[in-house]
Amino acid sequence: MYRLRRLRCQNCLKLHLELPDVLVPYKRYEAKVVETVIAGGPVQVPNDERTIGKIRRWYKAIKAQLAGVWNWCVLYGFASPKQEPKLADLVRATVNSGFWSYHPNGRYPYTFNPL
């Protein structure tokens, strides 16, 4: 069980949950497992090729958005330009900045446009 911090945005006054490093939204496996699958390394779970393919297709579809949000975070001083981000860093920055646009059923309701 995880205790997620609830934070209220001072601009929109909505409550948001802060995403811990170990989680990826709408994924059953923790971030390290998803990173290993994407990198093509040996992984204990999942051992089903269909699930591995789904994770790789998901990353291919969302990779550009994650990089765009990371560059935005670097530009505005929320991330260090010297840091080489891992998947968990990219996902956490995207979710915690409010730019996570991936719907759990595979639809993209909007695209990244921070400005």
PDB file of N, CA and C in Angstrom:
ATOM      1  N   MET A   1       0.834  -1.162   0.000  1.00  0.00           N
ATOM      2  CA  MET A   1       0.000   0.000   0.000  1.00  0.00           C
ATOM      3  C   MET A   1       0.889   1.239   0.000  1.00  0.00           C
ATOM      4  N   TYR A   2       0.485   2.235  -0.775  1.00  0.00           N
ATOM      5  CA  TYR A   2       1.240   3.473  -0.878  1.00  0.00           C
ATOM      6  C   TYR A   2       0.436   4.615  -0.282  1.00  0.00           C
ATOM      7  N   ARG A   3       1.138   5.525   0.349  1.00  0.00           N
ATOM      8  CA  ARG A   3       0.505   6.755   0.826  1.00  0.00           C
ATOM      9  C   ARG A   3       0.924   7.854  -0.143  1.00  0.00           C
ATOM     10  N   LEU A   4      -0.024   8.320  -0.929  1.00  0.00           N
ATOM     11  CA  LEU A   4       0.256   9.343  -1.918  1.00  0.00           C
ATOM     12  C   LEU A   4      -0.067  10.721  -1.350  1.00  0.00           C
ATOM     13  N   ARG A   5       0.841  11.666  -1.574  1.00  0.00           N
ATOM     14  CA  ARG A   5       0.600  13.033  -1.099  1.00  0.00           C
ATOM     15  C   ARG A   5      -0.422  13.711  -1.990  1.00  0.00           C
ATOM     16  N   ARG A   6      -1.353  14.405  -1.369  1.00  0.00           N
ATOM     17  CA  ARG A   6      -2.349  15.190  -2.094  1.00  0.00           C
ATOM     18  C   ARG A   6      -1.940  16.647  -1.998  1.00  0.00           C
ATOM     19  N   LEU A   7      -1.826  17.288  -3.135  1.00  0.00           N
ATOM     20  CA  LEU A   7      -1.388  18.670  -3.190  1.00  0.00           C
ATOM     21  C   LEU A   7      -2.452  19.510  -3.899  1.00  0.00           C
ATOM     22  N   ARG A   8      -2.715  20.706  -3.399  1.00  0.00           N
ATOM     23  CA  ARG A   8      -3.697  21.591  -4.039  1.00  0.00           C
ATOM     24  C   ARG A   8      -2.941  22.631  -4.862  1.00  0.00           C
ATOM     25  N   CYS A   9      -3.311  22.727  -6.140  1.00  0.00           N
ATOM     26  CA  CYS A   9      -2.714  23.702  -7.051  1.00  0.00           C
ATOM     27  C   CYS A   9      -3.251  25.087  -6.700  1.00  0.00           C
ATOM     28  N   GLN A  10      -2.359  26.046  -6.571  1.00  0.00           N
ATOM     29  CA  GLN A  10      -2.782  27.398  -6.230  1.00  0.00           C
ATOM     30  C   GLN A  10      -3.359  28.137  -7.431  1.00  0.00           C
ATOM     31  N   ASN A  11      -3.107  27.625  -8.650  1.00  0.00           N
ATOM     32  CA  ASN A  11      -3.666  28.265  -9.839  1.00  0.00           C
ATOM     33  C   ASN A  11      -5.075  27.767 -10.138  1.00  0.00           C
ATOM     34  N   CYS A  12      -5.244  26.441 -10.236  1.00  0.00           N
ATOM     35  CA  CYS A  12      -6.553  25.888 -10.611  1.00  0.00           C
ATOM     36  C   CYS A  12      -7.367  25.420  -9.411  1.00  0.00           C
ATOM     37  N   LEU A  13      -6.758  25.388  -8.228  1.00  0.00           N
ATOM     38  CA  LEU A  13      -7.397  24.982  -6.972  1.00  0.00           C
ATOM     39  C   LEU A  13      -7.856  23.523  -6.956  1.00  0.00           C
ATOM     40  N   LYS A  14      -7.331  22.695  -7.860  1.00  0.00           N
ATOM     41  CA  LYS A  14      -7.672  21.275  -7.883  1.00  0.00           C
ATOM     42  C   LYS A  14      -6.676  20.499  -7.024  1.00  0.00           C
ATOM     43  N   LEU A  15      -7.132  19.345  -6.522  1.00  0.00           N
ATOM     44  CA  LEU A  15      -6.234  18.450  -5.804  1.00  0.00           C
ATOM     45  C   LEU A  15      -5.537  17.539  -6.792  1.00  0.00           C
ATOM     46  N   HIS A  16      -4.252  17.324  -6.581  1.00  0.00           N
ATOM     47  CA  HIS A  16      -3.460  16.449  -7.425  1.00  0.00           C
ATOM     48  C   HIS A  16      -2.707  15.470  -6.533  1.00  0.00           C
ATOM     49  N   LEU A  17      -2.485  14.260  -7.020  1.00  0.00           N
ATOM     50  CA  LEU A  17      -1.683  13.274  -6.301  1.00  0.00           C
ATOM     51  C   LEU A  17      -0.264  13.317  -6.810  1.00  0.00           C
ATOM     52  N   GLU A  18       0.685  13.297  -5.896  1.00  0.00           N
ATOM     53  CA  GLU A  18       2.088  13.269  -6.285  1.00  0.00           C
ATOM     54  C   GLU A  18       2.479  11.823  -6.566  1.00  0.00           C
ATOM     55  N   LEU A  19       3.078  11.590  -7.711  1.00  0.00           N
ATOM     56  CA  LEU A  19       3.447  10.240  -8.128  1.00  0.00           C
ATOM     57  C   LEU A  19       4.817   9.858  -7.578  1.00  0.00           C
ATOM     58  N   PRO A  20       4.912   8.737  -6.849  1.00  0.00           N
ATOM     59  CA  PRO A  20       6.229   8.276  -6.373  1.00  0.00           C
ATOM     60  C   PRO A  20       7.054   7.715  -7.532  1.00  0.00           C
ATOM     61  N   ASP A  21       8.365   7.598  -7.321  1.00  0.00           N
ATOM     62  CA  ASP A  21       9.283   7.124  -8.361  1.00  0.00           C
ATOM     63  C   ASP A  21       8.985   5.711  -8.844  1.00  0.00           C
ATOM     64  N   VAL A  22       8.439   4.868  -7.997  1.00  0.00           N
ATOM     65  CA  VAL A  22       8.297   3.453  -8.344  1.00  0.00           C
ATOM     66  C   VAL A  22       7.070   3.153  -9.189  1.00  0.00           C
ATOM     67  N   LEU A  23       6.164   4.124  -9.377  1.00  0.00           N
ATOM     68  CA  LEU A  23       4.918   3.866 -10.099  1.00  0.00           C
ATOM     69  C   LEU A  23       4.904   4.502 -11.479  1.00  0.00           C
ATOM     70  N   VAL A  24       4.221   3.833 -12.405  1.00  0.00           N
ATOM     71  CA  VAL A  24       3.909   4.368 -13.723  1.00  0.00           C
ATOM     72  C   VAL A  24       2.394   4.295 -13.843  1.00  0.00           C
ATOM     73  N   PRO A  25       1.720   5.413 -14.154  1.00  0.00           N
ATOM     74  CA  PRO A  25       0.258   5.391 -14.210  1.00  0.00           C
ATOM     75  C   PRO A  25      -0.278   4.355 -15.192  1.00  0.00           C
ATOM     76  N   TYR A  26      -1.310   3.658 -14.771  1.00  0.00           N
ATOM     77  CA  TYR A  26      -2.032   2.681 -15.580  1.00  0.00           C
ATOM     78  C   TYR A  26      -1.190   1.466 -15.978  1.00  0.00           C
ATOM     79  N   LYS A  27      -0.095   1.224 -15.303  1.00  0.00           N
ATOM     80  CA  LYS A  27       0.725   0.045 -15.564  1.00  0.00           C
ATOM     81  C   LYS A  27       0.708  -0.851 -14.335  1.00  0.00           C
ATOM     82  N   ARG A  28       0.741  -2.141 -14.555  1.00  0.00           N
ATOM     83  CA  ARG A  28       0.697  -3.106 -13.451  1.00  0.00           C
ATOM     84  C   ARG A  28       2.053  -3.331 -12.808  1.00  0.00           C
ATOM     85  N   TYR A  29       3.098  -2.996 -13.524  1.00  0.00           N
ATOM     86  CA  TYR A  29       4.447  -3.278 -13.055  1.00  0.00           C
ATOM     87  C   TYR A  29       5.123  -1.988 -12.621  1.00  0.00           C
ATOM     88  N   GLU A  30       6.056  -2.110 -11.686  1.00  0.00           N
ATOM     89  CA  GLU A  30       6.742  -0.920 -11.213  1.00  0.00           C
ATOM     90  C   GLU A  30       7.695  -0.393 -12.279  1.00  0.00           C
ATOM     91  N   ALA A  31       8.156   0.815 -12.089  1.00  0.00           N
ATOM     92  CA  ALA A  31       8.933   1.534 -13.096  1.00  0.00           C
ATOM     93  C   ALA A  31      10.202   0.780 -13.512  1.00  0.00           C
ATOM     94  N   LYS A  32      10.883   0.112 -12.584  1.00  0.00           N
ATOM     95  CA  LYS A  32      12.107  -0.621 -12.927  1.00  0.00           C
ATOM     96  C   LYS A  32      11.826  -1.744 -13.921  1.00  0.00           C
ATOM     97  N   VAL A  33      10.716  -2.440 -13.729  1.00  0.00           N
ATOM     98  CA  VAL A  33      10.349  -3.534 -14.637  1.00  0.00           C
ATOM     99  C   VAL A  33      10.037  -2.978 -16.020  1.00  0.00           C
ATOM    100  N   VAL A  34       9.284  -1.878 -16.071  1.00  0.00           N
ATOM    101  CA  VAL A  34       8.930  -1.265 -17.353  1.00  0.00           C
ATOM    102  C   VAL A  34      10.192  -0.775 -18.059  1.00  0.00           C
ATOM    103  N   GLU A  35      11.127  -0.161 -17.322  1.00  0.00           N
ATOM    104  CA  GLU A  35      12.396   0.289 -17.895  1.00  0.00           C
ATOM    105  C   GLU A  35      13.180  -0.876 -18.485  1.00  0.00           C
ATOM    106  N   THR A  36      13.238  -1.986 -17.770  1.00  0.00           N
ATOM    107  CA  THR A  36      13.975  -3.160 -18.238  1.00  0.00           C
ATOM    108  C   THR A  36      13.353  -3.719 -19.509  1.00  0.00           C
ATOM    109  N   VAL A  37      12.026  -3.769 -19.565  1.00  0.00           N
ATOM    110  CA  VAL A  37      11.336  -4.260 -20.759  1.00  0.00           C
ATOM    111  C   VAL A  37      11.637  -3.360 -21.941  1.00  0.00           C
ATOM    112  N   ILE A  38      11.582  -2.046 -21.745  1.00  0.00           N
ATOM    113  CA  ILE A  38      11.843  -1.101 -22.827  1.00  0.00           C
ATOM    114  C   ILE A  38      13.282  -1.216 -23.323  1.00  0.00           C
ATOM    115  N   ALA A  39      14.211  -1.408 -22.396  1.00  0.00           N
ATOM    116  CA  ALA A  39      15.620  -1.526 -22.758  1.00  0.00           C
ATOM    117  C   ALA A  39      15.937  -2.860 -23.415  1.00  0.00           C
ATOM    118  N   GLY A  40      15.032  -3.819 -23.299  1.00  0.00           N
ATOM    119  CA  GLY A  40      15.258  -5.125 -23.911  1.00  0.00           C
ATOM    120  C   GLY A  40      16.068  -6.079 -23.056  1.00  0.00           C
ATOM    121  N   GLY A  41      16.235  -5.764 -21.794  1.00  0.00           N
ATOM    122  CA  GLY A  41      17.006  -6.614 -20.903  1.00  0.00           C
ATOM    123  C   GLY A  41      16.193  -7.784 -20.377  1.00  0.00           C
ATOM    124  N   PRO A  42      16.870  -8.719 -19.718  1.00  0.00           N
ATOM    125  CA  PRO A  42      16.153  -9.863 -19.152  1.00  0.00           C
ATOM    126  C   PRO A  42      15.305  -9.427 -17.960  1.00  0.00           C
ATOM    127  N   VAL A  43      14.095  -9.900 -17.912  1.00  0.00           N
ATOM    128  CA  VAL A  43      13.178  -9.493 -16.857  1.00  0.00           C
ATOM    129  C   VAL A  43      12.406 -10.711 -16.369  1.00  0.00           C
ATOM    130  N   GLN A  44      12.165 -10.786 -15.072  1.00  0.00           N
ATOM    131  CA  GLN A  44      11.420 -11.899 -14.489  1.00  0.00           C
ATOM    132  C   GLN A  44       9.927 -11.764 -14.785  1.00  0.00           C
ATOM    133  N   VAL A  45       9.406 -10.558 -14.641  1.00  0.00           N
ATOM    134  CA  VAL A  45       7.990 -10.285 -14.857  1.00  0.00           C
ATOM    135  C   VAL A  45       7.923  -9.099 -15.796  1.00  0.00           C
ATOM    136  N   PRO A  46       7.124  -9.054 -16.789  1.00  0.00           N
ATOM    137  CA  PRO A  46       6.224 -10.072 -17.287  1.00  0.00           C
ATOM    138  C   PRO A  46       6.954 -11.020 -18.234  1.00  0.00           C
ATOM    139  N   ASN A  47       6.574 -12.260 -18.226  1.00  0.00           N
ATOM    140  CA  ASN A  47       7.218 -13.221 -19.115  1.00  0.00           C
ATOM    141  C   ASN A  47       6.353 -13.527 -20.332  1.00  0.00           C
ATOM    142  N   ASP A  48       5.269 -12.817 -20.505  1.00  0.00           N
ATOM    143  CA  ASP A  48       4.387 -12.973 -21.647  1.00  0.00           C
ATOM    144  C   ASP A  48       4.827 -12.002 -22.749  1.00  0.00           C
ATOM    145  N   GLU A  49       5.105 -12.512 -23.935  1.00  0.00           N
ATOM    146  CA  GLU A  49       5.580 -11.670 -25.037  1.00  0.00           C
ATOM    147  C   GLU A  49       4.554 -10.607 -25.430  1.00  0.00           C
ATOM    148  N   ARG A  50       3.282 -10.911 -25.296  1.00  0.00           N
ATOM    149  CA  ARG A  50       2.245  -9.947 -25.644  1.00  0.00           C
ATOM    150  C   ARG A  50       2.299  -8.726 -24.714  1.00  0.00           C
ATOM    151  N   THR A  51       2.488  -8.962 -23.434  1.00  0.00           N
ATOM    152  CA  THR A  51       2.588  -7.867 -22.469  1.00  0.00           C
ATOM    153  C   THR A  51       3.846  -7.049 -22.723  1.00  0.00           C
ATOM    154  N   ILE A  52       4.941  -7.716 -23.016  1.00  0.00           N
ATOM    155  CA  ILE A  52       6.189  -7.015 -23.326  1.00  0.00           C
ATOM    156  C   ILE A  52       6.004  -6.131 -24.551  1.00  0.00           C
ATOM    157  N   GLY A  53       5.341  -6.646 -25.567  1.00  0.00           N
ATOM    158  CA  GLY A  53       5.070  -5.864 -26.770  1.00  0.00           C
ATOM    159  C   GLY A  53       4.184  -4.659 -26.488  1.00  0.00           C
ATOM    160  N   LYS A  54       3.185  -4.828 -25.636  1.00  0.00           N
ATOM    161  CA  LYS A  54       2.303  -3.716 -25.271  1.00  0.00           C
ATOM    162  C   LYS A  54       3.084  -2.604 -24.582  1.00  0.00           C
ATOM    163  N   ILE A  55       3.963  -2.989 -23.670  1.00  0.00           N
ATOM    164  CA  ILE A  55       4.755  -1.987 -22.947  1.00  0.00           C
ATOM    165  C   ILE A  55       5.663  -1.240 -23.915  1.00  0.00           C
ATOM    166  N   ARG A  56       6.288  -1.956 -24.833  1.00  0.00           N
ATOM    167  CA  ARG A  56       7.177  -1.298 -25.812  1.00  0.00           C
ATOM    168  C   ARG A  56       6.406  -0.389 -26.761  1.00  0.00           C
ATOM    169  N   ARG A  57       5.229  -0.792 -27.200  1.00  0.00           N
ATOM    170  CA  ARG A  57       4.403   0.066 -28.067  1.00  0.00           C
ATOM    171  C   ARG A  57       3.929   1.304 -27.312  1.00  0.00           C
ATOM    172  N   TRP A  58       3.567   1.127 -26.037  1.00  0.00           N
ATOM    173  CA  TRP A  58       3.149   2.256 -25.216  1.00  0.00           C
ATOM    174  C   TRP A  58       4.278   3.283 -25.125  1.00  0.00           C
ATOM    175  N   TYR A  59       5.490   2.805 -24.863  1.00  0.00           N
ATOM    176  CA  TYR A  59       6.618   3.722 -24.728  1.00  0.00           C
ATOM    177  C   TYR A  59       6.917   4.428 -26.049  1.00  0.00           C
ATOM    178  N   LYS A  60       6.847   3.697 -27.138  1.00  0.00           N
ATOM    179  CA  LYS A  60       7.102   4.293 -28.451  1.00  0.00           C
ATOM    180  C   LYS A  60       6.099   5.406 -28.736  1.00  0.00           C
ATOM    181  N   ALA A  61       4.840   5.207 -28.327  1.00  0.00           N
ATOM    182  CA  ALA A  61       3.796   6.198 -28.575  1.00  0.00           C
ATOM    183  C   ALA A  61       3.941   7.435 -27.695  1.00  0.00           C
ATOM    184  N   ILE A  62       4.481   7.287 -26.505  1.00  0.00           N
ATOM    185  CA  ILE A  62       4.503   8.407 -25.559  1.00  0.00           C
ATOM    186  C   ILE A  62       5.905   9.006 -25.361  1.00  0.00           C
ATOM    187  N   LYS A  63       6.917   8.414 -25.992  1.00  0.00           N
ATOM    188  CA  LYS A  63       8.303   8.836 -25.800  1.00  0.00           C
ATOM    189  C   LYS A  63       8.534  10.311 -26.140  1.00  0.00           C
ATOM    190  N   ALA A  64       7.978  10.794 -27.244  1.00  0.00           N
ATOM    191  CA  ALA A  64       8.184  12.190 -27.647  1.00  0.00           C
ATOM    192  C   ALA A  64       7.576  13.157 -26.633  1.00  0.00           C
ATOM    193  N   GLN A  65       6.424  12.810 -26.110  1.00  0.00           N
ATOM    194  CA  GLN A  65       5.793  13.684 -25.121  1.00  0.00           C
ATOM    195  C   GLN A  65       6.612  13.734 -23.840  1.00  0.00           C
ATOM    196  N   LEU A  66       7.107  12.583 -23.391  1.00  0.00           N
ATOM    197  CA  LEU A  66       7.926  12.561 -22.177  1.00  0.00           C
ATOM    198  C   LEU A  66       9.169  13.427 -22.341  1.00  0.00           C
ATOM    199  N   ALA A  67       9.815  13.325 -23.511  1.00  0.00           N
ATOM    200  CA  ALA A  67      11.012  14.138 -23.773  1.00  0.00           C
ATOM    201  C   ALA A  67      10.656  15.626 -23.826  1.00  0.00           C
ATOM    202  N   GLY A  68       9.511  15.955 -24.420  1.00  0.00           N
ATOM    203  CA  GLY A  68       9.089  17.351 -24.493  1.00  0.00           C
ATOM    204  C   GLY A  68       8.835  17.952 -23.124  1.00  0.00           C
ATOM    205  N   VAL A  69       8.183  17.192 -22.272  1.00  0.00           N
ATOM    206  CA  VAL A  69       7.923  17.681 -20.915  1.00  0.00           C
ATOM    207  C   VAL A  69       9.235  17.824 -20.150  1.00  0.00           C
ATOM    208  N   TRP A  70      10.154  16.865 -20.328  1.00  0.00           N
ATOM    209  CA  TRP A  70      11.448  16.958 -19.637  1.00  0.00           C
ATOM    210  C   TRP A  70      12.191  18.221 -20.090  1.00  0.00           C
ATOM    211  N   ASN A  71      12.196  18.493 -21.398  1.00  0.00           N
ATOM    212  CA  ASN A  71      12.857  19.700 -21.900  1.00  0.00           C
ATOM    213  C   ASN A  71      12.197  20.959 -21.344  1.00  0.00           C
ATOM    214  N   TRP A  72      10.876  20.943 -21.200  1.00  0.00           N
ATOM    215  CA  TRP A  72      10.148  22.063 -20.610  1.00  0.00           C
ATOM    216  C   TRP A  72      10.577  22.259 -19.165  1.00  0.00           C
ATOM    217  N   CYS A  73      10.697  21.148 -18.418  1.00  0.00           N
ATOM    218  CA  CYS A  73      11.125  21.221 -17.012  1.00  0.00           C
ATOM    219  C   CYS A  73      12.536  21.783 -16.892  1.00  0.00           C
ATOM    220  N   VAL A  74      13.422  21.390 -17.805  1.00  0.00           N
ATOM    221  CA  VAL A  74      14.793  21.914 -17.810  1.00  0.00           C
ATOM    222  C   VAL A  74      14.775  23.402 -18.139  1.00  0.00           C
ATOM    223  N   LEU A  75      13.993  23.785 -19.141  1.00  0.00           N
ATOM    224  CA  LEU A  75      13.912  25.183 -19.568  1.00  0.00           C
ATOM    225  C   LEU A  75      13.453  26.095 -18.439  1.00  0.00           C
ATOM    226  N   TYR A  76      12.494  25.645 -17.657  1.00  0.00           N
ATOM    227  CA  TYR A  76      11.950  26.476 -16.579  1.00  0.00           C
ATOM    228  C   TYR A  76      12.587  26.203 -15.219  1.00  0.00           C
ATOM    229  N   GLY A  77      13.658  25.428 -15.175  1.00  0.00           N
ATOM    230  CA  GLY A  77      14.432  25.245 -13.957  1.00  0.00           C
ATOM    231  C   GLY A  77      13.902  24.217 -12.982  1.00  0.00           C
ATOM    232  N   PHE A  78      12.967  23.364 -13.410  1.00  0.00           N
ATOM    233  CA  PHE A  78      12.438  22.324 -12.529  1.00  0.00           C
ATOM    234  C   PHE A  78      13.282  21.050 -12.566  1.00  0.00           C
ATOM    235  N   ALA A  79      14.190  20.949 -13.532  1.00  0.00           N
ATOM    236  CA  ALA A  79      15.062  19.781 -13.658  1.00  0.00           C
ATOM    237  C   ALA A  79      16.445  20.263 -14.083  1.00  0.00           C
ATOM    238  N   SER A  80      17.444  19.480 -13.748  1.00  0.00           N
ATOM    239  CA  SER A  80      18.816  19.835 -14.080  1.00  0.00           C
ATOM    240  C   SER A  80      19.139  19.433 -15.518  1.00  0.00           C
ATOM    241  N   PRO A  81      19.752  20.329 -16.297  1.00  0.00           N
ATOM    242  CA  PRO A  81      20.135  19.959 -17.662  1.00  0.00           C
ATOM    243  C   PRO A  81      21.259  18.923 -17.695  1.00  0.00           C
ATOM    244  N   LYS A  82      21.959  18.743 -16.572  1.00  0.00           N
ATOM    245  CA  LYS A  82      23.049  17.769 -16.508  1.00  0.00           C
ATOM    246  C   LYS A  82      22.558  16.355 -16.224  1.00  0.00           C
ATOM    247  N   GLN A  83      21.326  16.232 -15.749  1.00  0.00           N
ATOM    248  CA  GLN A  83      20.785  14.917 -15.384  1.00  0.00           C
ATOM    249  C   GLN A  83      20.313  14.172 -16.630  1.00  0.00           C
ATOM    250  N   GLU A  84      20.708  12.928 -16.752  1.00  0.00           N
ATOM    251  CA  GLU A  84      20.224  12.049 -17.815  1.00  0.00           C
ATOM    252  C   GLU A  84      19.011  11.310 -17.249  1.00  0.00           C
ATOM    253  N   PRO A  85      17.805  11.662 -17.689  1.00  0.00           N
ATOM    254  CA  PRO A  85      16.609  11.103 -17.052  1.00  0.00           C
ATOM    255  C   PRO A  85      16.344   9.650 -17.414  1.00  0.00           C
ATOM    256  N   LYS A  86      15.894   8.896 -16.438  1.00  0.00           N
ATOM    257  CA  LYS A  86      15.423   7.528 -16.658  1.00  0.00           C
ATOM    258  C   LYS A  86      13.926   7.598 -16.903  1.00  0.00           C
ATOM    259  N   LEU A  87      13.326   6.476 -17.241  1.00  0.00           N
ATOM    260  CA  LEU A  87      11.889   6.441 -17.497  1.00  0.00           C
ATOM    261  C   LEU A  87      11.105   6.948 -16.290  1.00  0.00           C
ATOM    262  N   ALA A  88      11.484   6.519 -15.095  1.00  0.00           N
ATOM    263  CA  ALA A  88      10.772   6.942 -13.888  1.00  0.00           C
ATOM    264  C   ALA A  88      10.837   8.460 -13.721  1.00  0.00           C
ATOM    265  N   ASP A  89      11.982   9.073 -14.039  1.00  0.00           N
ATOM    266  CA  ASP A  89      12.121  10.527 -13.949  1.00  0.00           C
ATOM    267  C   ASP A  89      11.216  11.224 -14.957  1.00  0.00           C
ATOM    268  N   LEU A  90      11.187  10.690 -16.185  1.00  0.00           N
ATOM    269  CA  LEU A  90      10.356  11.290 -17.229  1.00  0.00           C
ATOM    270  C   LEU A  90       8.874  11.206 -16.886  1.00  0.00           C
ATOM    271  N   VAL A  91       8.446  10.038 -16.433  1.00  0.00           N
ATOM    272  CA  VAL A  91       7.035   9.845 -16.097  1.00  0.00           C
ATOM    273  C   VAL A  91       6.649  10.701 -14.903  1.00  0.00           C
ATOM    274  N   ARG A  92       7.491  10.710 -13.897  1.00  0.00           N
ATOM    275  CA  ARG A  92       7.192  11.496 -12.689  1.00  0.00           C
ATOM    276  C   ARG A  92       7.098  12.982 -13.012  1.00  0.00           C
ATOM    277  N   ALA A  93       8.030  13.486 -13.827  1.00  0.00           N
ATOM    278  CA  ALA A  93       7.994  14.900 -14.212  1.00  0.00           C
ATOM    279  C   ALA A  93       6.731  15.217 -15.009  1.00  0.00           C
ATOM    280  N   THR A  94       6.343  14.319 -15.897  1.00  0.00           N
ATOM    281  CA  THR A  94       5.157  14.540 -16.722  1.00  0.00           C
ATOM    282  C   THR A  94       3.891  14.539 -15.880  1.00  0.00           C
ATOM    283  N   VAL A  95       3.762  13.568 -14.996  1.00  0.00           N
ATOM    284  CA  VAL A  95       2.568  13.481 -14.154  1.00  0.00           C
ATOM    285  C   VAL A  95       2.514  14.637 -13.160  1.00  0.00           C
ATOM    286  N   ASN A  96       3.608  14.884 -12.466  1.00  0.00           N
ATOM    287  CA  ASN A  96       3.605  15.909 -11.424  1.00  0.00           C
ATOM    288  C   ASN A  96       3.503  17.326 -11.976  1.00  0.00           C
ATOM    289  N   SER A  97       3.835  17.523 -13.255  1.00  0.00           N
ATOM    290  CA  SER A  97       3.691  18.844 -13.860  1.00  0.00           C
ATOM    291  C   SER A  97       2.297  19.051 -14.437  1.00  0.00           C
ATOM    292  N   GLY A  98       1.494  17.997 -14.471  1.00  0.00           N
ATOM    293  CA  GLY A  98       0.125  18.113 -14.965  1.00  0.00           C
ATOM    294  C   GLY A  98      -0.016  17.885 -16.451  1.00  0.00           C
ATOM    295  N   PHE A  99       1.027  17.409 -17.124  1.00  0.00           N
ATOM    296  CA  PHE A  99       0.983  17.206 -18.565  1.00  0.00           C
ATOM    297  C   PHE A  99       0.781  15.748 -18.969  1.00  0.00           C
ATOM    298  N   TRP A 100       0.374  14.893 -18.058  1.00  0.00           N
ATOM    299  CA  TRP A 100       0.141  13.483 -18.393  1.00  0.00           C
ATOM    300  C   TRP A 100      -1.148  13.397 -19.192  1.00  0.00           C
ATOM    301  N   SER A 101      -1.069  12.959 -20.438  1.00  0.00           N
ATOM    302  CA  SER A 101      -2.253  12.986 -21.294  1.00  0.00           C
ATOM    303  C   SER A 101      -2.718  11.602 -21.716  1.00  0.00           C
ATOM    304  N   TYR A 102      -2.068  10.571 -21.285  1.00  0.00           N
ATOM    305  CA  TYR A 102      -2.387   9.228 -21.743  1.00  0.00           C
ATOM    306  C   TYR A 102      -3.579   8.678 -20.975  1.00  0.00           C
ATOM    307  N   HIS A 103      -4.591   8.288 -21.688  1.00  0.00           N
ATOM    308  CA  HIS A 103      -5.804   7.731 -21.093  1.00  0.00           C
ATOM    309  C   HIS A 103      -5.588   6.241 -20.837  1.00  0.00           C
ATOM    310  N   PRO A 104      -6.114   5.675 -19.742  1.00  0.00           N
ATOM    311  CA  PRO A 104      -5.866   4.268 -19.427  1.00  0.00           C
ATOM    312  C   PRO A 104      -6.386   3.295 -20.484  1.00  0.00           C
ATOM    313  N   ASN A 105      -7.351   3.697 -21.284  1.00  0.00           N
ATOM    314  CA  ASN A 105      -7.876   2.803 -22.317  1.00  0.00           C
ATOM    315  C   ASN A 105      -7.209   3.017 -23.669  1.00  0.00           C
ATOM    316  N   GLY A 106      -6.138   3.778 -23.705  1.00  0.00           N
ATOM    317  CA  GLY A 106      -5.359   3.918 -24.926  1.00  0.00           C
ATOM    318  C   GLY A 106      -5.696   5.119 -25.778  1.00  0.00           C
ATOM    319  N   ARG A 107      -6.555   6.020 -25.319  1.00  0.00           N
ATOM    320  CA  ARG A 107      -6.900   7.201 -26.100  1.00  0.00           C
ATOM    321  C   ARG A 107      -6.040   8.376 -25.663  1.00  0.00           C
ATOM    322  N   TYR A 108      -5.784   9.262 -26.593  1.00  0.00           N
ATOM    323  CA  TYR A 108      -5.028  10.471 -26.292  1.00  0.00           C
ATOM    324  C   TYR A 108      -5.990  11.651 -26.334  1.00  0.00           C
ATOM    325  N   PRO A 109      -6.484  12.122 -25.179  1.00  0.00           N
ATOM    326  CA  PRO A 109      -7.481  13.190 -25.188  1.00  0.00           C
ATOM    327  C   PRO A 109      -6.931  14.549 -25.608  1.00  0.00           C
ATOM    328  N   TYR A 110      -5.661  14.817 -25.370  1.00  0.00           N
ATOM    329  CA  TYR A 110      -5.072  16.086 -25.782  1.00  0.00           C
ATOM    330  C   TYR A 110      -3.572  15.894 -25.923  1.00  0.00           C
ATOM    331  N   THR A 111      -2.913  16.849 -26.513  1.00  0.00           N
ATOM    332  CA  THR A 111      -1.466  16.755 -26.716  1.00  0.00           C
ATOM    333  C   THR A 111      -0.769  17.765 -25.820  1.00  0.00           C
ATOM    334  N   PHE A 112       0.508  17.594 -25.693  1.00  0.00           N
ATOM    335  CA  PHE A 112       1.331  18.449 -24.841  1.00  0.00           C
ATOM    336  C   PHE A 112       1.487  19.823 -25.483  1.00  0.00           C
ATOM    337  N   ASN A 113       1.091  20.856 -24.779  1.00  0.00           N
ATOM    338  CA  ASN A 113       1.277  22.233 -25.223  1.00  0.00           C
ATOM    339  C   ASN A 113       1.323  23.123 -23.987  1.00  0.00           C
ATOM    340  N   PRO A 114       2.499  23.252 -23.343  1.00  0.00           N
ATOM    341  CA  PRO A 114       2.567  23.982 -22.081  1.00  0.00           C
ATOM    342  C   PRO A 114       2.469  25.491 -22.209  1.00  0.00           C
ATOM    343  N   LEU A 115       2.682  26.025 -23.388  1.00  0.00           N
ATOM    344  CA  LEU A 115       2.718  27.493 -23.494  1.00  0.00           C
ATOM    345  C   LEU A 115       1.445  28.064 -23.965  1.00  0.00           C
TER     346      LEU A 115
END
